[in-house]
PDB file of N, CA and C in Angstrom:
ATOM      1  N   MET A   1      -1.394  14.546  13.063  1.00  0.00           N
ATOM      2  CA  MET A   1      -0.221  13.964  12.443  1.00  0.00           C
ATOM      3  C   MET A   1      -0.075  14.512  11.020  1.00  0.00           C
ATOM      4  N   ALA A   2       1.142  14.638  10.593  1.00  0.00           N
ATOM      5  CA  ALA A   2       1.426  15.195   9.272  1.00  0.00           C
ATOM      6  C   ALA A   2       1.235  14.148   8.174  1.00  0.00           C
ATOM      7  N   VAL A   3       0.797  14.617   7.006  1.00  0.00           N
ATOM      8  CA  VAL A   3       0.637  13.772   5.824  1.00  0.00           C
ATOM      9  C   VAL A   3       1.456  14.384   4.707  1.00  0.00           C
ATOM     10  N   PHE A   4       2.228  13.541   4.001  1.00  0.00           N
ATOM     11  CA  PHE A   4       3.093  14.017   2.929  1.00  0.00           C
ATOM     12  C   PHE A   4       2.818  13.238   1.653  1.00  0.00           C
ATOM     13  N   LYS A   5       2.773  13.935   0.525  1.00  0.00           N
ATOM     14  CA  LYS A   5       2.664  13.272  -0.772  1.00  0.00           C
ATOM     15  C   LYS A   5       4.016  12.652  -1.114  1.00  0.00           C
ATOM     16  N   VAL A   6       3.972  11.473  -1.730  1.00  0.00           N
ATOM     17  CA  VAL A   6       5.192  10.785  -2.143  1.00  0.00           C
ATOM     18  C   VAL A   6       5.204  10.749  -3.667  1.00  0.00           C
ATOM     19  N   ASP A   7       6.251  11.316  -4.259  1.00  0.00           N
ATOM     20  CA  ASP A   7       6.371  11.386  -5.716  1.00  0.00           C
ATOM     21  C   ASP A   7       7.071  10.138  -6.246  1.00  0.00           C
ATOM     22  N   THR A   8       6.360   9.338  -7.020  1.00  0.00           N
ATOM     23  CA  THR A   8       6.946   8.133  -7.628  1.00  0.00           C
ATOM     24  C   THR A   8       7.102   8.291  -9.136  1.00  0.00           C
ATOM     25  N   SER A   9       7.024   9.516  -9.638  1.00  0.00           N
ATOM     26  CA  SER A   9       7.023   9.748 -11.089  1.00  0.00           C
ATOM     27  C   SER A   9       8.317   9.315 -11.777  1.00  0.00           C
ATOM     28  N   THR A  10       9.441   9.298 -11.072  1.00  0.00           N
ATOM     29  CA  THR A  10      10.705   8.883 -11.682  1.00  0.00           C
ATOM     30  C   THR A  10      11.145   7.509 -11.197  1.00  0.00           C
ATOM     31  N   ALA A  11      10.327   6.853 -10.393  1.00  0.00           N
ATOM     32  CA  ALA A  11      10.701   5.576  -9.785  1.00  0.00           C
ATOM     33  C   ALA A  11      10.191   4.384 -10.588  1.00  0.00           C
ATOM     34  N   PHE A  12      10.869   3.259 -10.405  1.00  0.00           N
ATOM     35  CA  PHE A  12      10.404   1.977 -10.898  1.00  0.00           C
ATOM     36  C   PHE A  12       9.740   1.297  -9.707  1.00  0.00           C
ATOM     37  N   VAL A  13       8.457   0.957  -9.839  1.00  0.00           N
ATOM     38  CA  VAL A  13       7.692   0.384  -8.728  1.00  0.00           C
ATOM     39  C   VAL A  13       7.183  -0.990  -9.152  1.00  0.00           C
ATOM     40  N   PHE A  14       7.419  -1.990  -8.303  1.00  0.00           N
ATOM     41  CA  PHE A  14       6.886  -3.314  -8.610  1.00  0.00           C
ATOM     42  C   PHE A  14       6.412  -4.010  -7.349  1.00  0.00           C
ATOM     43  N   VAL A  15       5.568  -5.014  -7.545  1.00  0.00           N
ATOM     44  CA  VAL A  15       4.960  -5.751  -6.436  1.00  0.00           C
ATOM     45  C   VAL A  15       5.994  -6.700  -5.845  1.00  0.00           C
ATOM     46  N   ALA A  16       6.196  -6.586  -4.533  1.00  0.00           N
ATOM     47  CA  ALA A  16       7.078  -7.504  -3.812  1.00  0.00           C
ATOM     48  C   ALA A  16       6.261  -8.512  -3.008  1.00  0.00           C
ATOM     49  N   VAL A  17       5.098  -8.077  -2.518  1.00  0.00           N
ATOM     50  CA  VAL A  17       4.186  -8.942  -1.761  1.00  0.00           C
ATOM     51  C   VAL A  17       2.783  -8.694  -2.305  1.00  0.00           C
ATOM     52  N   PRO A  18       2.115  -9.737  -2.831  1.00  0.00           N
ATOM     53  CA  PRO A  18       0.776  -9.551  -3.411  1.00  0.00           C
ATOM     54  C   PRO A  18      -0.222  -8.986  -2.396  1.00  0.00           C
ATOM     55  N   PRO A  19      -1.281  -8.332  -2.888  1.00  0.00           N
ATOM     56  CA  PRO A  19      -2.273  -7.733  -1.995  1.00  0.00           C
ATOM     57  C   PRO A  19      -3.031  -8.767  -1.165  1.00  0.00           C
ATOM     58  N   VAL A  20      -3.300  -8.378   0.089  1.00  0.00           N
ATOM     59  CA  VAL A  20      -4.127  -9.185   0.997  1.00  0.00           C
ATOM     60  C   VAL A  20      -5.031  -8.230   1.759  1.00  0.00           C
ATOM     61  N   LEU A  21      -6.133  -8.754   2.277  1.00  0.00           N
ATOM     62  CA  LEU A  21      -7.021  -7.931   3.086  1.00  0.00           C
ATOM     63  C   LEU A  21      -6.283  -7.438   4.329  1.00  0.00           C
ATOM     64  N   LYS A  22      -6.536  -6.187   4.692  1.00  0.00           N
ATOM     65  CA  LYS A  22      -5.900  -5.589   5.863  1.00  0.00           C
ATOM     66  C   LYS A  22      -6.751  -5.885   7.093  1.00  0.00           C
ATOM     67  N   VAL A  23      -6.145  -6.457   8.098  1.00  0.00           N
ATOM     68  CA  VAL A  23      -6.850  -6.798   9.336  1.00  0.00           C
ATOM     69  C   VAL A  23      -6.789  -5.603  10.284  1.00  0.00           C
ATOM     70  N   ALA A  24      -7.946  -5.160  10.756  1.00  0.00           N
ATOM     71  CA  ALA A  24      -8.018  -4.030  11.682  1.00  0.00           C
ATOM     72  C   ALA A  24      -7.836  -4.497  13.115  1.00  0.00           C
ATOM     73  N   ASN A  25      -8.329  -5.699  13.431  1.00  0.00           N
ATOM     74  CA  ASN A  25      -8.254  -6.217  14.790  1.00  0.00           C
ATOM     75  C   ASN A  25      -7.856  -7.687  14.706  1.00  0.00           C
ATOM     76  N   ARG A  26      -6.659  -8.005  15.131  1.00  0.00           N
ATOM     77  CA  ARG A  26      -6.161  -9.382  15.033  1.00  0.00           C
ATOM     78  C   ARG A  26      -6.920 -10.346  15.931  1.00  0.00           C
ATOM     79  N   GLN A  27      -7.440  -9.844  17.044  1.00  0.00           N
ATOM     80  CA  GLN A  27      -8.176 -10.724  17.961  1.00  0.00           C
ATOM     81  C   GLN A  27      -9.512 -11.152  17.381  1.00  0.00           C
ATOM     82  N   THR A  28     -10.213 -10.249  16.703  1.00  0.00           N
ATOM     83  CA  THR A  28     -11.538 -10.573  16.168  1.00  0.00           C
ATOM     84  C   THR A  28     -11.502 -10.937  14.685  1.00  0.00           C
ATOM     85  N   GLY A  29     -10.389 -10.605  14.001  1.00  0.00           N
ATOM     86  CA  GLY A  29     -10.302 -10.851  12.564  1.00  0.00           C
ATOM     87  C   GLY A  29     -11.013  -9.804  11.727  1.00  0.00           C
ATOM     88  N   GLU A  30     -11.454  -8.720  12.371  1.00  0.00           N
ATOM     89  CA  GLU A  30     -12.157  -7.648  11.663  1.00  0.00           C
ATOM     90  C   GLU A  30     -11.277  -7.063  10.555  1.00  0.00           C
ATOM     91  N   ILE A  31     -11.861  -6.895   9.374  1.00  0.00           N
ATOM     92  CA  ILE A  31     -11.151  -6.341   8.225  1.00  0.00           C
ATOM     93  C   ILE A  31     -11.276  -4.820   8.246  1.00  0.00           C
ATOM     94  N   ALA A  32     -10.170  -4.127   7.986  1.00  0.00           N
ATOM     95  CA  ALA A  32     -10.160  -2.659   7.951  1.00  0.00           C
ATOM     96  C   ALA A  32     -10.985  -2.160   6.776  1.00  0.00           C
ATOM     97  N   THR A  33     -11.670  -1.048   6.985  1.00  0.00           N
ATOM     98  CA  THR A  33     -12.444  -0.418   5.911  1.00  0.00           C
ATOM     99  C   THR A  33     -12.052   1.041   5.790  1.00  0.00           C
ATOM    100  N   ASP A  34     -12.251   1.587   4.593  1.00  0.00           N
ATOM    101  CA  ASP A  34     -11.998   2.999   4.335  1.00  0.00           C
ATOM    102  C   ASP A  34     -13.067   3.811   5.050  1.00  0.00           C
ATOM    103  N   ARG A  35     -12.636   4.784   5.817  1.00  0.00           N
ATOM    104  CA  ARG A  35     -13.594   5.579   6.607  1.00  0.00           C
ATOM    105  C   ARG A  35     -14.527   6.411   5.739  1.00  0.00           C
ATOM    106  N   GLU A  36     -14.072   6.792   4.560  1.00  0.00           N
ATOM    107  CA  GLU A  36     -14.889   7.639   3.687  1.00  0.00           C
ATOM    108  C   GLU A  36     -15.850   6.838   2.814  1.00  0.00           C
ATOM    109  N   THR A  37     -15.372   5.737   2.238  1.00  0.00           N
ATOM    110  CA  THR A  37     -16.189   5.006   1.269  1.00  0.00           C
ATOM    111  C   THR A  37     -16.762   3.693   1.795  1.00  0.00           C
ATOM    112  N   GLY A  38     -16.173   3.179   2.878  1.00  0.00           N
ATOM    113  CA  GLY A  38     -16.608   1.887   3.399  1.00  0.00           C
ATOM    114  C   GLY A  38     -15.989   0.703   2.684  1.00  0.00           C
ATOM    115  N   ALA A  39     -15.151   0.953   1.668  1.00  0.00           N
ATOM    116  CA  ALA A  39     -14.500  -0.131   0.925  1.00  0.00           C
ATOM    117  C   ALA A  39     -13.532  -0.882   1.835  1.00  0.00           C
ATOM    118  N   ARG A  40     -13.423  -2.186   1.625  1.00  0.00           N
ATOM    119  CA  ARG A  40     -12.442  -2.957   2.381  1.00  0.00           C
ATOM    120  C   ARG A  40     -11.035  -2.512   1.980  1.00  0.00           C
ATOM    121  N   MET A  41     -10.120  -2.541   2.959  1.00  0.00           N
ATOM    122  CA  MET A  41      -8.748  -2.127   2.703  1.00  0.00           C
ATOM    123  C   MET A  41      -7.859  -3.345   2.458  1.00  0.00           C
ATOM    124  N   MET A  42      -6.870  -3.137   1.619  1.00  0.00           N
ATOM    125  CA  MET A  42      -5.881  -4.162   1.298  1.00  0.00           C
ATOM    126  C   MET A  42      -4.505  -3.619   1.658  1.00  0.00           C
ATOM    127  N   THR A  43      -3.546  -4.505   1.843  1.00  0.00           N
ATOM    128  CA  THR A  43      -2.151  -4.089   1.929  1.00  0.00           C
ATOM    129  C   THR A  43      -1.400  -4.790   0.814  1.00  0.00           C
ATOM    130  N   VAL A  44      -0.439  -4.087   0.247  1.00  0.00           N
ATOM    131  CA  VAL A  44       0.402  -4.640  -0.809  1.00  0.00           C
ATOM    132  C   VAL A  44       1.826  -4.181  -0.539  1.00  0.00           C
ATOM    133  N   GLY A  45       2.768  -5.101  -0.701  1.00  0.00           N
ATOM    134  CA  GLY A  45       4.176  -4.757  -0.532  1.00  0.00           C
ATOM    135  C   GLY A  45       4.740  -4.279  -1.851  1.00  0.00           C
ATOM    136  N   LEU A  46       5.248  -3.064  -1.874  1.00  0.00           N
ATOM    137  CA  LEU A  46       5.801  -2.492  -3.097  1.00  0.00           C
ATOM    138  C   LEU A  46       7.284  -2.192  -2.916  1.00  0.00           C
ATOM    139  N   THR A  47       8.063  -2.548  -3.905  1.00  0.00           N
ATOM    140  CA  THR A  47       9.452  -2.117  -3.945  1.00  0.00           C
ATOM    141  C   THR A  47       9.493  -0.894  -4.840  1.00  0.00           C
ATOM    142  N   ILE A  48      10.033   0.191  -4.293  1.00  0.00           N
ATOM    143  CA  ILE A  48      10.136   1.445  -5.033  1.00  0.00           C
ATOM    144  C   ILE A  48      11.618   1.744  -5.204  1.00  0.00           C
ATOM    145  N   ALA A  49      12.061   1.738  -6.461  1.00  0.00           N
ATOM    146  CA  ALA A  49      13.474   1.960  -6.777  1.00  0.00           C
ATOM    147  C   ALA A  49      13.617   3.292  -7.500  1.00  0.00           C
ATOM    148  N   ASP A  50      14.517   4.136  -6.996  1.00  0.00           N
ATOM    149  CA  ASP A  50      14.751   5.451  -7.598  1.00  0.00           C
ATOM    150  C   ASP A  50      16.123   5.951  -7.165  1.00  0.00           C
ATOM    151  N   GLU A  51      16.820   6.573  -8.060  1.00  0.00           N
ATOM    152  CA  GLU A  51      18.118   7.192  -7.795  1.00  0.00           C
ATOM    153  C   GLU A  51      19.098   6.213  -7.141  1.00  0.00           C
ATOM    154  N   GLY A  52      19.143   4.983  -7.645  1.00  0.00           N
ATOM    155  CA  GLY A  52      20.108   3.996  -7.178  1.00  0.00           C
ATOM    156  C   GLY A  52      19.787   3.347  -5.849  1.00  0.00           C
ATOM    157  N   GLU A  53      18.586   3.534  -5.342  1.00  0.00           N
ATOM    158  CA  GLU A  53      18.187   2.968  -4.058  1.00  0.00           C
ATOM    159  C   GLU A  53      16.810   2.337  -4.195  1.00  0.00           C
ATOM    160  N   ALA A  54      16.620   1.197  -3.530  1.00  0.00           N
ATOM    161  CA  ALA A  54      15.315   0.538  -3.548  1.00  0.00           C
ATOM    162  C   ALA A  54      14.895   0.208  -2.124  1.00  0.00           C
ATOM    163  N   ASN A  55      13.611   0.412  -1.834  1.00  0.00           N
ATOM    164  CA  ASN A  55      13.071   0.130  -0.512  1.00  0.00           C
ATOM    165  C   ASN A  55      11.733  -0.573  -0.638  1.00  0.00           C
ATOM    166  N   LEU A  56      11.422  -1.394   0.366  1.00  0.00           N
ATOM    167  CA  LEU A  56      10.143  -2.087   0.420  1.00  0.00           C
ATOM    168  C   LEU A  56       9.200  -1.308   1.323  1.00  0.00           C
ATOM    169  N   TYR A  57       7.985  -1.049   0.825  1.00  0.00           N
ATOM    170  CA  TYR A  57       6.966  -0.334   1.585  1.00  0.00           C
ATOM    171  C   TYR A  57       5.692  -1.171   1.602  1.00  0.00           C
ATOM    172  N   THR A  58       5.051  -1.241   2.758  1.00  0.00           N
ATOM    173  CA  THR A  58       3.730  -1.849   2.856  1.00  0.00           C
ATOM    174  C   THR A  58       2.731  -0.711   2.723  1.00  0.00           C
ATOM    175  N   VAL A  59       1.893  -0.803   1.699  1.00  0.00           N
ATOM    176  CA  VAL A  59       0.978   0.285   1.360  1.00  0.00           C
ATOM    177  C   VAL A  59      -0.464  -0.194   1.514  1.00  0.00           C
ATOM    178  N   SER A  60      -1.278   0.614   2.198  1.00  0.00           N
ATOM    179  CA  SER A  60      -2.715   0.340   2.318  1.00  0.00           C
ATOM    180  C   SER A  60      -3.434   0.967   1.132  1.00  0.00           C
ATOM    181  N   VAL A  61      -4.367   0.210   0.547  1.00  0.00           N
ATOM    182  CA  VAL A  61      -5.100   0.662  -0.632  1.00  0.00           C
ATOM    183  C   VAL A  61      -6.530   0.141  -0.535  1.00  0.00           C
ATOM    184  N   PRO A  62      -7.535   0.970  -0.856  1.00  0.00           N
ATOM    185  CA  PRO A  62      -8.897   0.434  -0.904  1.00  0.00           C
ATOM    186  C   PRO A  62      -8.971  -0.705  -1.922  1.00  0.00           C
ATOM    187  N   GLU A  63      -9.752  -1.718  -1.620  1.00  0.00           N
ATOM    188  CA  GLU A  63      -9.878  -2.888  -2.504  1.00  0.00           C
ATOM    189  C   GLU A  63     -10.263  -2.467  -3.921  1.00  0.00           C
ATOM    190  N   THR A  64     -11.066  -1.416  -4.042  1.00  0.00           N
ATOM    191  CA  THR A  64     -11.501  -0.935  -5.356  1.00  0.00           C
ATOM    192  C   THR A  64     -10.360  -0.309  -6.158  1.00  0.00           C
ATOM    193  N   GLY A  65      -9.230  -0.010  -5.521  1.00  0.00           N
ATOM    194  CA  GLY A  65      -8.090   0.598  -6.203  1.00  0.00           C
ATOM    195  C   GLY A  65      -7.001  -0.384  -6.578  1.00  0.00           C
ATOM    196  N   ILE A  66      -7.240  -1.675  -6.391  1.00  0.00           N
ATOM    197  CA  ILE A  66      -6.250  -2.706  -6.699  1.00  0.00           C
ATOM    198  C   ILE A  66      -6.592  -3.365  -8.031  1.00  0.00           C
ATOM    199  N   SER A  67      -5.627  -3.388  -8.951  1.00  0.00           N
ATOM    200  CA  SER A  67      -5.816  -4.090 -10.226  1.00  0.00           C
ATOM    201  C   SER A  67      -5.936  -5.589  -9.978  1.00  0.00           C
ATOM    202  N   ASP A  68      -6.728  -6.264 -10.797  1.00  0.00           N
ATOM    203  CA  ASP A  68      -6.840  -7.715 -10.716  1.00  0.00           C
ATOM    204  C   ASP A  68      -5.504  -8.366 -11.086  1.00  0.00           C
ATOM    205  N   GLY A  69      -5.200  -9.454 -10.417  1.00  0.00           N
ATOM    206  CA  GLY A  69      -4.071 -10.286 -10.797  1.00  0.00           C
ATOM    207  C   GLY A  69      -2.691  -9.756 -10.470  1.00  0.00           C
ATOM    208  N   LEU A  70      -2.566  -8.839  -9.514  1.00  0.00           N
ATOM    209  CA  LEU A  70      -1.237  -8.340  -9.183  1.00  0.00           C
ATOM    210  C   LEU A  70      -0.408  -9.467  -8.576  1.00  0.00           C
ATOM    211  N   GLY A  71       0.783  -9.676  -9.134  1.00  0.00           N
ATOM    212  CA  GLY A  71       1.656 -10.743  -8.649  1.00  0.00           C
ATOM    213  C   GLY A  71       3.062 -10.238  -8.406  1.00  0.00           C
ATOM    214  N   ILE A  72       3.847 -11.060  -7.769  1.00  0.00           N
ATOM    215  CA  ILE A  72       5.225 -10.706  -7.433  1.00  0.00           C
ATOM    216  C   ILE A  72       6.006 -10.341  -8.696  1.00  0.00           C
ATOM    217  N   GLY A  73       6.720  -9.220  -8.622  1.00  0.00           N
ATOM    218  CA  GLY A  73       7.556  -8.765  -9.723  1.00  0.00           C
ATOM    219  C   GLY A  73       6.842  -7.932 -10.772  1.00  0.00           C
ATOM    220  N   MET A  74       5.527  -7.806 -10.664  1.00  0.00           N
ATOM    221  CA  MET A  74       4.753  -7.072 -11.657  1.00  0.00           C
ATOM    222  C   MET A  74       4.987  -5.562 -11.515  1.00  0.00           C
ATOM    223  N   PRO A  75       5.331  -4.884 -12.602  1.00  0.00           N
ATOM    224  CA  PRO A  75       5.469  -3.427 -12.535  1.00  0.00           C
ATOM    225  C   PRO A  75       4.098  -2.775 -12.389  1.00  0.00           C
ATOM    226  N   VAL A  76       4.038  -1.738 -11.530  1.00  0.00           N
ATOM    227  CA  VAL A  76       2.770  -1.076 -11.246  1.00  0.00           C
ATOM    228  C   VAL A  76       2.940   0.436 -11.210  1.00  0.00           C
ATOM    229  N   ALA A  77       1.815   1.124 -11.366  1.00  0.00           N
ATOM    230  CA  ALA A  77       1.738   2.570 -11.150  1.00  0.00           C
ATOM    231  C   ALA A  77       1.014   2.765  -9.830  1.00  0.00           C
ATOM    232  N   VAL A  78       1.470   3.754  -9.059  1.00  0.00           N
ATOM    233  CA  VAL A  78       0.848   4.061  -7.773  1.00  0.00           C
ATOM    234  C   VAL A  78       0.221   5.440  -7.873  1.00  0.00           C
ATOM    235  N   THR A  79      -1.061   5.535  -7.574  1.00  0.00           N
ATOM    236  CA  THR A  79      -1.790   6.797  -7.628  1.00  0.00           C
ATOM    237  C   THR A  79      -2.039   7.307  -6.213  1.00  0.00           C
ATOM    238  N   GLY A  80      -1.703   8.563  -5.987  1.00  0.00           N
ATOM    239  CA  GLY A  80      -2.023   9.211  -4.726  1.00  0.00           C
ATOM    240  C   GLY A  80      -1.311   8.647  -3.510  1.00  0.00           C
ATOM    241  N   LEU A  81      -0.043   8.288  -3.651  1.00  0.00           N
ATOM    242  CA  LEU A  81       0.706   7.737  -2.523  1.00  0.00           C
ATOM    243  C   LEU A  81       1.013   8.830  -1.505  1.00  0.00           C
ATOM    244  N   LYS A  82       0.677   8.546  -0.242  1.00  0.00           N
ATOM    245  CA  LYS A  82       0.927   9.491   0.841  1.00  0.00           C
ATOM    246  C   LYS A  82       1.555   8.764   2.022  1.00  0.00           C
ATOM    247  N   ALA A  83       2.402   9.489   2.744  1.00  0.00           N
ATOM    248  CA  ALA A  83       3.028   8.978   3.961  1.00  0.00           C
ATOM    249  C   ALA A  83       2.464   9.752   5.138  1.00  0.00           C
ATOM    250  N   ARG A  84       2.206   9.052   6.232  1.00  0.00           N
ATOM    251  CA  ARG A  84       1.661   9.682   7.431  1.00  0.00           C
ATOM    252  C   ARG A  84       2.437   9.144   8.633  1.00  0.00           C
ATOM    253  N   ASP A  85       2.889  10.052   9.487  1.00  0.00           N
ATOM    254  CA  ASP A  85       3.548   9.594  10.708  1.00  0.00           C
ATOM    255  C   ASP A  85       2.476   9.226  11.736  1.00  0.00           C
ATOM    256  N   TRP A  86       2.790   8.262  12.596  1.00  0.00           N
ATOM    257  CA  TRP A  86       1.835   7.830  13.600  1.00  0.00           C
ATOM    258  C   TRP A  86       2.561   7.541  14.913  1.00  0.00           C
ATOM    259  N   GLU A  87       1.774   7.561  15.974  1.00  0.00           N
ATOM    260  CA  GLU A  87       2.299   7.260  17.298  1.00  0.00           C
ATOM    261  C   GLU A  87       1.161   6.694  18.132  1.00  0.00           C
ATOM    262  N   ASN A  88       1.445   5.656  18.920  1.00  0.00           N
ATOM    263  CA  ASN A  88       0.448   5.125  19.837  1.00  0.00           C
ATOM    264  C   ASN A  88       1.129   4.517  21.051  1.00  0.00           C
ATOM    265  N   GLU A  89       0.325   4.160  22.011  1.00  0.00           N
ATOM    266  CA  GLU A  89       0.844   3.514  23.208  1.00  0.00           C
ATOM    267  C   GLU A  89       0.117   2.194  23.370  1.00  0.00           C
ATOM    268  N   PHE A  90       0.891   1.122  23.566  1.00  0.00           N
ATOM    269  CA  PHE A  90       0.323  -0.210  23.712  1.00  0.00           C
ATOM    270  C   PHE A  90       1.052  -0.910  24.853  1.00  0.00           C
ATOM    271  N   ASN A  91       0.303  -1.365  25.835  1.00  0.00           N
ATOM    272  CA  ASN A  91       0.884  -2.013  27.020  1.00  0.00           C
ATOM    273  C   ASN A  91       1.965  -1.156  27.673  1.00  0.00           C
ATOM    274  N   GLY A  92       1.718   0.149  27.735  1.00  0.00           N
ATOM    275  CA  GLY A  92       2.643   1.056  28.391  1.00  0.00           C
ATOM    276  C   GLY A  92       3.868   1.431  27.592  1.00  0.00           C
ATOM    277  N   GLN A  93       3.958   0.962  26.353  1.00  0.00           N
ATOM    278  CA  GLN A  93       5.109   1.283  25.513  1.00  0.00           C
ATOM    279  C   GLN A  93       4.672   2.158  24.351  1.00  0.00           C
ATOM    280  N   LYS A  94       5.390   3.270  24.173  1.00  0.00           N
ATOM    281  CA  LYS A  94       5.105   4.155  23.039  1.00  0.00           C
ATOM    282  C   LYS A  94       5.754   3.589  21.788  1.00  0.00           C
ATOM    283  N   ARG A  95       4.984   3.640  20.711  1.00  0.00           N
ATOM    284  CA  ARG A  95       5.473   3.187  19.404  1.00  0.00           C
ATOM    285  C   ARG A  95       5.199   4.288  18.398  1.00  0.00           C
ATOM    286  N   HIS A  96       6.023   4.354  17.371  1.00  0.00           N
ATOM    287  CA  HIS A  96       5.816   5.350  16.325  1.00  0.00           C
ATOM    288  C   HIS A  96       6.382   4.829  15.009  1.00  0.00           C
ATOM    289  N   GLY A  97       5.949   5.433  13.923  1.00  0.00           N
ATOM    290  CA  GLY A  97       6.423   5.020  12.612  1.00  0.00           C
ATOM    291  C   GLY A  97       5.779   5.843  11.524  1.00  0.00           C
ATOM    292  N   ILE A  98       5.885   5.322  10.312  1.00  0.00           N
ATOM    293  CA  ILE A  98       5.305   5.969   9.142  1.00  0.00           C
ATOM    294  C   ILE A  98       4.450   4.934   8.418  1.00  0.00           C
ATOM    295  N   SER A  99       3.225   5.301   8.094  1.00  0.00           N
ATOM    296  CA  SER A  99       2.362   4.420   7.320  1.00  0.00           C
ATOM    297  C   SER A  99       2.184   5.012   5.929  1.00  0.00           C
ATOM    298  N   PHE A 100       1.901   4.140   4.965  1.00  0.00           N
ATOM    299  CA  PHE A 100       1.744   4.558   3.577  1.00  0.00           C
ATOM    300  C   PHE A 100       0.376   4.130   3.070  1.00  0.00           C
ATOM    301  N   ARG A 101      -0.239   5.025   2.305  1.00  0.00           N
ATOM    302  CA  ARG A 101      -1.562   4.758   1.741  1.00  0.00           C
ATOM    303  C   ARG A 101      -1.603   5.312   0.323  1.00  0.00           C
ATOM    304  N   ALA A 102      -2.275   4.592  -0.562  1.00  0.00           N
ATOM    305  CA  ALA A 102      -2.443   5.043  -1.940  1.00  0.00           C
ATOM    306  C   ALA A 102      -3.906   4.895  -2.334  1.00  0.00           C
ATOM    307  N   ALA A 103      -4.309   5.701  -3.304  1.00  0.00           N
ATOM    308  CA  ALA A 103      -5.666   5.594  -3.838  1.00  0.00           C
ATOM    309  C   ALA A 103      -5.791   4.366  -4.728  1.00  0.00           C
ATOM    310  N   ALA A 104      -4.707   4.034  -5.455  1.00  0.00           N
ATOM    311  CA  ALA A 104      -4.756   2.897  -6.368  1.00  0.00           C
ATOM    312  C   ALA A 104      -3.355   2.368  -6.667  1.00  0.00           C
ATOM    313  N   VAL A 105      -3.310   1.060  -6.939  1.00  0.00           N
ATOM    314  CA  VAL A 105      -2.103   0.397  -7.447  1.00  0.00           C
ATOM    315  C   VAL A 105      -2.556  -0.341  -8.694  1.00  0.00           C
ATOM    316  N   THR A 106      -2.021   0.106  -9.830  1.00  0.00           N
ATOM    317  CA  THR A 106      -2.504  -0.374 -11.126  1.00  0.00           C
ATOM    318  C   THR A 106      -1.395  -1.075 -11.895  1.00  0.00           C
ATOM    319  N   SER A 107      -1.722  -2.228 -12.454  1.00  0.00           N
ATOM    320  CA  SER A 107      -0.752  -2.994 -13.227  1.00  0.00           C
ATOM    321  C   SER A 107      -0.320  -2.235 -14.485  1.00  0.00           C
ATOM    322  N   LEU A 108       0.969  -2.307 -14.801  1.00  0.00           N
ATOM    323  CA  LEU A 108       1.479  -1.742 -16.046  1.00  0.00           C
ATOM    324  C   LEU A 108       1.623  -2.800 -17.129  1.00  0.00           C
ATOM    325  N   VAL A 109       1.246  -4.043 -16.787  1.00  0.00           N
ATOM    326  CA  VAL A 109       1.285  -5.139 -17.746  1.00  0.00           C
ATOM    327  C   VAL A 109      -0.016  -5.131 -18.526  1.00  0.00           C
ATOM    328  N   PRO A 110       0.056  -5.134 -19.861  1.00  0.00           N
ATOM    329  CA  PRO A 110      -1.193  -5.135 -20.650  1.00  0.00           C
ATOM    330  C   PRO A 110      -2.091  -6.304 -20.260  1.00  0.00           C
ATOM    331  N   VAL A 111      -3.393  -6.067 -20.252  1.00  0.00           N
ATOM    332  CA  VAL A 111      -4.382  -7.072 -19.844  1.00  0.00           C
ATOM    333  C   VAL A 111      -4.213  -8.358 -20.648  1.00  0.00           C
ATOM    334  N   THR A 112      -3.951  -8.273 -21.946  1.00  0.00           N
ATOM    335  CA  THR A 112      -3.811  -9.465 -22.774  1.00  0.00           C
ATOM    336  C   THR A 112      -2.610 -10.308 -22.371  1.00  0.00           C
ATOM    337  N   ALA A 113      -1.574  -9.695 -21.795  1.00  0.00           N
ATOM    338  CA  ALA A 113      -0.377 -10.420 -21.408  1.00  0.00           C
ATOM    339  C   ALA A 113      -0.546 -11.105 -20.060  1.00  0.00           C
ATOM    340  N   GLN A 114      -1.541 -10.706 -19.276  1.00  0.00           N
ATOM    341  CA  GLN A 114      -1.737 -11.309 -17.959  1.00  0.00           C
ATOM    342  C   GLN A 114      -2.352 -12.701 -18.066  1.00  0.00           C
ATOM    343  N   GLY A 115      -3.034 -12.945 -19.152  1.00  0.00           N
ATOM    344  CA  GLY A 115      -3.567 -14.236 -19.470  1.00  0.00           C
ATOM    345  C   GLY A 115      -4.631 -14.730 -18.657  1.00  0.00           C
TER     346      GLY A 115
END
């Protein structure tokens, strides 16, 4: 599957859905982990606004790459955002889409202002 870098250098990015642990298996409750580092994975909903358009993306991020205290509406920087197309078959039905992953999501709010 193809992987593409996503440029957010001119975009305004903010948290729409706070980070939560990413579940790998809904039946067992197993938490997803990074295959390279073993870190637990999180998902965070980000609104990315650029060139007069805004979209909501669910982005997977290693737990170690998430700033403390990320909340709704908080402006953030996204490091290493990539898009990957995927396809699978479940119960005889083919599904496909695009998943997003970043190395880090970092708050742009000064630490002293987070309180």
